[in-house]
Amino acid sequence: MRHRPCHHVMAGALVGAALAAGLVAGPAAALAAPSSPAAAGSGPPSQPVCTPSLFASAQQLVGTELTNRVTRLNTLIGRVTGAADLTPSDRSALLAELTGTELPGIQALQPKVQADTTCLELRLDAEAMVLDYRVYVVMTPQADLVIATDVADHAGGVLAGLEPAISGWISSAQAHGTDVSGAQAAFADYQAKVTAAQGLTSGQSATLLAQVPGGYPGNKSVFLQVRANLANAHADLQAAAADLGEIVGDLQ
């Protein structure tokens, strides 16, 4: 029948779009957040054990932890800079915090700690390192989960954008005498899954970007909820990609 070649063209276009969204090949890698507040440690105690005889080792400990935080912040900056699906506004907001506040703040503590001569000075600087910046339990999940949310938003938008084409393809096949009952059922599920995924991630980036170091530990629940939402959205988008595969298979 003459409509078959057109069906092959449409199938290729739909699968190509899904591939571009990262949903046919490697969706888990595309949507998984690299870290979470549950998995990340809070760093060393804000008041390391310090006596005159232990001062040198305590000072070294705090210095090492500052260096580790500089490394983590530079890693986050690299992730944010290289994340293809981050919106410009989200990228700008994350980089402003990471490069404008967090990194210079931690770096300013490094020479201060080296210049400390008393346990009181060292403890105050250690407290500032942990409490003022929260590199591990706030900034890390914030950056990673904003990236993951924007990836999911992009993927959901791509799949939602395919719906008119899929509907038209099903109608065309039906008009040519093809049994489209299976494709129609898969399409209904596809639409439901895409809508559910978009509902789970809508507004999440703004919520994440509103979190500040001083809000911990109260904002830990925000990060955990976002991570749960992303896991569910990921499952919905995978299911939608599977539905698309079924539609393609039924109508080719």
Protein backbone atom coordinates (compact mmCIF):
# COMPACT_ATOMS: atom_id res chain seq x y z
CA MET A 1 0.00 0.00 0.00
CA ARG A 2 1.25 3.48 -0.83
CA HIS A 3 1.03 4.91 2.68
CA ARG A 4 3.68 2.52 4.04
CA PRO A 5 6.74 4.53 2.91
CA CYS A 6 5.28 7.60 4.60
CA HIS A 7 4.84 5.53 7.73
CA HIS A 8 8.51 4.62 7.67
CA VAL A 9 9.45 8.28 7.31
CA MET A 10 7.17 9.23 10.22
CA ALA A 11 8.52 6.40 12.37
CA GLY A 12 12.07 7.55 11.73
CA ALA A 13 11.19 11.14 12.59
CA LEU A 14 9.49 10.19 15.87
CA VAL A 15 12.27 7.87 17.00
CA GLY A 16 14.84 10.48 16.01
CA ALA A 17 13.10 13.07 18.16
CA ALA A 18 12.97 10.69 21.11
CA LEU A 19 16.66 9.94 20.68
CA ALA A 20 17.39 13.65 20.69
CA ALA A 21 15.54 13.92 24.00
CA GLY A 22 17.76 11.20 25.47
CA LEU A 23 14.84 8.86 26.10
CA VAL A 24 15.46 5.92 23.80
CA ALA A 25 19.17 5.54 24.49
CA GLY A 26 20.28 5.95 28.09
CA PRO A 27 17.32 7.70 29.76
CA ALA A 28 18.53 6.64 33.19
CA ALA A 29 21.85 8.38 32.67
CA ALA A 30 20.14 11.47 31.33
CA LEU A 31 17.73 11.94 34.21
CA ALA A 32 19.58 10.58 37.24
CA ALA A 33 20.96 13.20 39.63
CA PRO A 34 24.60 12.53 40.54
CA SER A 35 24.08 13.12 44.25
CA SER A 36 21.52 13.72 46.94
CA PRO A 37 21.37 15.26 50.39
CA ALA A 38 20.76 11.81 51.81
CA ALA A 39 23.94 10.45 50.28
CA ALA A 40 26.18 13.46 50.84
CA GLY A 41 27.99 13.87 54.13
CA SER A 42 27.89 17.10 56.07
CA GLY A 43 31.65 17.27 56.36
CA PRO A 44 33.68 17.31 59.58
CA PRO A 45 32.35 18.58 62.91
CA SER A 46 32.10 22.36 63.04
CA GLN A 47 34.17 22.30 66.24
CA PRO A 48 37.14 19.92 65.74
CA VAL A 49 38.78 18.56 68.84
CA CYS A 50 41.34 21.19 69.68
CA THR A 51 43.71 21.70 72.55
CA PRO A 52 47.08 23.43 72.46
CA SER A 53 48.76 20.07 71.94
CA LEU A 54 46.32 19.09 69.16
CA PHE A 55 46.14 22.47 67.49
CA ALA A 56 48.40 21.63 64.54
CA SER A 57 46.46 18.48 63.61
CA ALA A 58 43.12 20.26 64.02
CA GLN A 59 44.33 23.11 61.83
CA GLN A 60 45.46 20.61 59.18
CA LEU A 61 42.06 18.88 59.30
CA VAL A 62 40.17 22.10 58.69
CA GLY A 63 42.59 23.08 55.94
CA THR A 64 42.06 19.75 54.20
CA GLU A 65 38.30 20.07 54.41
CA LEU A 66 38.47 23.56 52.91
CA THR A 67 40.54 22.18 50.03
CA ASN A 68 37.98 19.40 49.53
CA ARG A 69 35.20 21.98 49.35
CA VAL A 70 37.08 24.01 46.77
CA THR A 71 37.43 20.85 44.68
CA ARG A 72 33.72 20.06 45.05
CA LEU A 73 32.67 23.58 44.10
CA ASN A 74 34.89 23.56 41.01
CA THR A 75 33.35 20.21 40.06
CA LEU A 76 29.85 21.67 40.42
CA ILE A 77 30.82 24.70 38.36
CA GLY A 78 32.03 22.36 35.63
CA ARG A 79 28.78 20.40 35.70
CA VAL A 80 26.67 23.53 35.50
CA THR A 81 28.77 25.01 32.70
CA GLY A 82 28.63 21.81 30.68
CA ALA A 83 24.95 20.90 31.19
CA ALA A 84 23.39 21.20 27.74
CA ASP A 85 19.75 21.31 28.86
CA LEU A 86 20.05 23.86 31.65
CA THR A 87 17.97 26.94 30.92
CA PRO A 88 20.02 30.13 30.63
CA SER A 89 18.36 31.61 33.72
CA ASP A 90 19.01 28.50 35.83
CA ARG A 91 22.63 28.32 34.67
CA SER A 92 23.13 31.99 35.50
CA ALA A 93 21.56 31.63 38.96
CA LEU A 94 23.64 28.58 39.86
CA LEU A 95 26.90 30.08 38.62
CA ALA A 96 26.21 33.34 40.44
CA GLU A 97 25.94 31.44 43.72
CA LEU A 98 28.78 29.01 43.10
CA THR A 99 31.32 31.45 41.65
CA GLY A 100 30.13 34.64 43.32
CA THR A 101 29.50 33.50 46.89
CA GLU A 102 30.46 29.91 47.67
CA LEU A 103 33.88 29.54 46.05
CA PRO A 104 35.30 32.94 47.06
CA GLY A 105 33.90 32.50 50.57
CA ILE A 106 35.56 29.13 51.07
CA GLN A 107 38.79 30.34 49.47
CA ALA A 108 38.86 33.36 51.80
CA LEU A 109 38.78 31.00 54.77
CA GLN A 110 41.86 29.09 53.61
CA PRO A 111 44.50 31.73 54.49
CA LYS A 112 42.51 32.69 57.56
CA VAL A 113 42.70 29.14 58.92
CA GLN A 114 46.42 28.99 58.20
CA ALA A 115 46.86 32.21 60.18
CA ASP A 116 44.84 31.03 63.19
CA THR A 117 46.83 30.65 66.38
CA THR A 118 44.17 29.62 68.91
CA CYS A 119 41.57 26.89 69.14
CA LEU A 120 38.83 29.51 69.42
CA GLU A 121 39.82 31.12 66.13
CA LEU A 122 40.03 27.74 64.44
CA ARG A 123 36.64 26.62 65.73
CA LEU A 124 34.97 29.80 64.53
CA ASP A 125 36.46 29.36 61.06
CA ALA A 126 35.43 25.69 61.00
CA GLU A 127 31.89 26.67 61.93
CA ALA A 128 31.84 29.25 59.15
CA MET A 129 33.09 26.64 56.67
CA VAL A 130 30.22 24.28 57.48
CA LEU A 131 27.34 26.53 58.54
CA ASP A 132 27.75 29.48 56.19
CA TYR A 133 28.32 27.54 52.97
CA ARG A 134 26.84 24.04 53.27
CA VAL A 135 28.76 22.86 50.21
CA TYR A 136 27.78 19.20 50.58
CA VAL A 137 24.22 19.21 51.88
CA VAL A 138 22.78 22.25 50.10
CA MET A 139 24.90 23.43 47.18
CA THR A 140 25.66 19.97 45.79
CA PRO A 141 22.08 18.66 45.68
CA GLN A 142 20.84 22.06 44.54
CA ALA A 143 23.11 22.15 41.49
CA ASP A 144 22.71 18.48 40.59
CA LEU A 145 18.94 18.43 40.99
CA VAL A 146 18.41 21.64 39.01
CA ILE A 147 20.40 20.07 36.18
CA ALA A 148 18.36 16.85 36.40
CA THR A 149 15.08 18.78 36.55
CA ASP A 150 15.93 20.81 33.46
CA VAL A 151 16.89 17.61 31.62
CA ALA A 152 13.53 16.09 32.53
CA ASP A 153 11.69 19.28 31.54
CA HIS A 154 13.43 19.26 28.17
CA ALA A 155 12.64 15.60 27.56
CA GLY A 156 9.01 16.06 28.56
CA GLY A 157 8.72 19.04 26.26
CA VAL A 158 10.11 17.08 23.32
CA LEU A 159 7.68 14.20 23.88
CA ALA A 160 4.72 16.53 24.37
CA GLY A 161 5.66 18.27 21.12
CA LEU A 162 5.37 14.95 19.27
CA GLU A 163 1.73 14.41 20.24
CA PRO A 164 0.14 16.22 17.26
CA ALA A 165 2.34 14.28 14.83
CA ILE A 166 1.54 10.96 16.50
CA SER A 167 -2.18 11.72 16.48
CA GLY A 168 -2.06 12.63 12.80
CA TRP A 169 -0.10 9.50 11.96
CA ILE A 170 -2.64 7.28 13.72
CA SER A 171 -5.52 9.03 11.93
CA SER A 172 -3.79 8.64 8.57
CA ALA A 173 -3.15 4.94 9.17
CA GLN A 174 -6.74 4.39 10.24
CA ALA A 175 -8.00 6.13 7.09
CA HIS A 176 -5.93 3.69 5.04
CA GLY A 177 -7.52 0.69 6.71
CA THR A 178 -4.88 -0.11 9.34
CA ASP A 179 -6.03 -1.51 12.67
CA VAL A 180 -4.92 1.24 15.01
CA SER A 181 -6.52 0.02 18.25
CA GLY A 182 -3.18 -0.91 19.80
CA ALA A 183 -1.57 2.34 18.72
CA GLN A 184 -4.51 4.34 20.10
CA ALA A 185 -4.24 2.64 23.49
CA ALA A 186 -0.48 3.20 23.58
CA PHE A 187 -0.95 6.83 22.59
CA ALA A 188 -3.46 7.43 25.38
CA ASP A 189 -0.96 6.04 27.87
CA TYR A 190 1.81 8.07 26.26
CA GLN A 191 -0.13 11.29 26.74
CA ALA A 192 -0.96 10.44 30.36
CA LYS A 193 2.65 9.60 31.19
CA VAL A 194 4.06 12.73 29.57
CA THR A 195 1.51 14.92 31.37
CA ALA A 196 2.31 13.23 34.69
CA ALA A 197 6.05 13.71 34.21
CA GLN A 198 5.64 17.38 33.37
CA GLY A 199 3.44 17.88 36.41
CA LEU A 200 6.08 16.35 38.68
CA THR A 201 8.89 18.62 37.50
CA SER A 202 6.98 21.85 36.87
CA GLY A 203 8.39 24.67 38.99
CA GLN A 204 10.99 22.48 40.65
CA SER A 205 14.02 24.43 39.48
CA ALA A 206 12.67 27.62 41.03
CA THR A 207 11.99 25.80 44.29
CA LEU A 208 15.52 24.40 44.33
CA LEU A 209 17.15 27.72 43.54
CA ALA A 210 15.30 29.32 46.46
CA GLN A 211 17.12 27.06 48.94
CA VAL A 212 19.97 28.68 50.89
CA PRO A 213 22.71 27.29 53.15
CA GLY A 214 21.08 28.86 56.20
CA GLY A 215 17.92 26.86 55.55
CA TYR A 216 19.56 23.54 56.42
CA PRO A 217 18.49 21.13 57.88
CA GLY A 218 14.92 22.32 57.29
CA ASN A 219 15.36 22.31 53.51
CA LYS A 220 16.68 18.74 53.40
CA SER A 221 13.09 17.57 52.89
CA VAL A 222 12.86 19.79 49.79
CA PHE A 223 15.80 18.05 48.16
CA LEU A 224 14.49 14.60 49.05
CA GLN A 225 11.05 15.40 47.62
CA VAL A 226 12.54 16.74 44.40
CA ARG A 227 14.65 13.62 44.04
CA ALA A 228 11.55 11.44 44.51
CA ASN A 229 9.68 13.52 41.94
CA LEU A 230 12.53 13.10 39.46
CA ALA A 231 12.57 9.34 39.96
CA ASN A 232 8.83 9.18 39.24
CA ALA A 233 9.12 11.55 36.27
CA HIS A 234 11.97 9.45 34.92
CA ALA A 235 9.78 6.33 35.15
CA ASP A 236 6.90 8.12 33.40
CA LEU A 237 9.13 9.34 30.58
CA GLN A 238 10.60 5.87 30.11
CA ALA A 239 7.07 4.48 29.92
CA ALA A 240 6.15 7.13 27.34
CA ALA A 241 9.22 6.21 25.28
CA ALA A 242 8.13 2.56 25.42
CA ASP A 243 4.64 3.59 24.28
CA LEU A 244 6.18 5.44 21.37
CA GLY A 245 8.07 2.29 20.41
CA GLU A 246 4.82 0.33 20.51
CA ILE A 247 3.05 2.90 18.33
CA VAL A 248 5.86 2.79 15.79
CA GLY A 249 5.78 -1.00 15.78
CA ASP A 250 2.01 -1.15 15.34
CA LEU A 251 1.85 1.32 12.48
CA GLN A 252 4.93 0.47 10.43
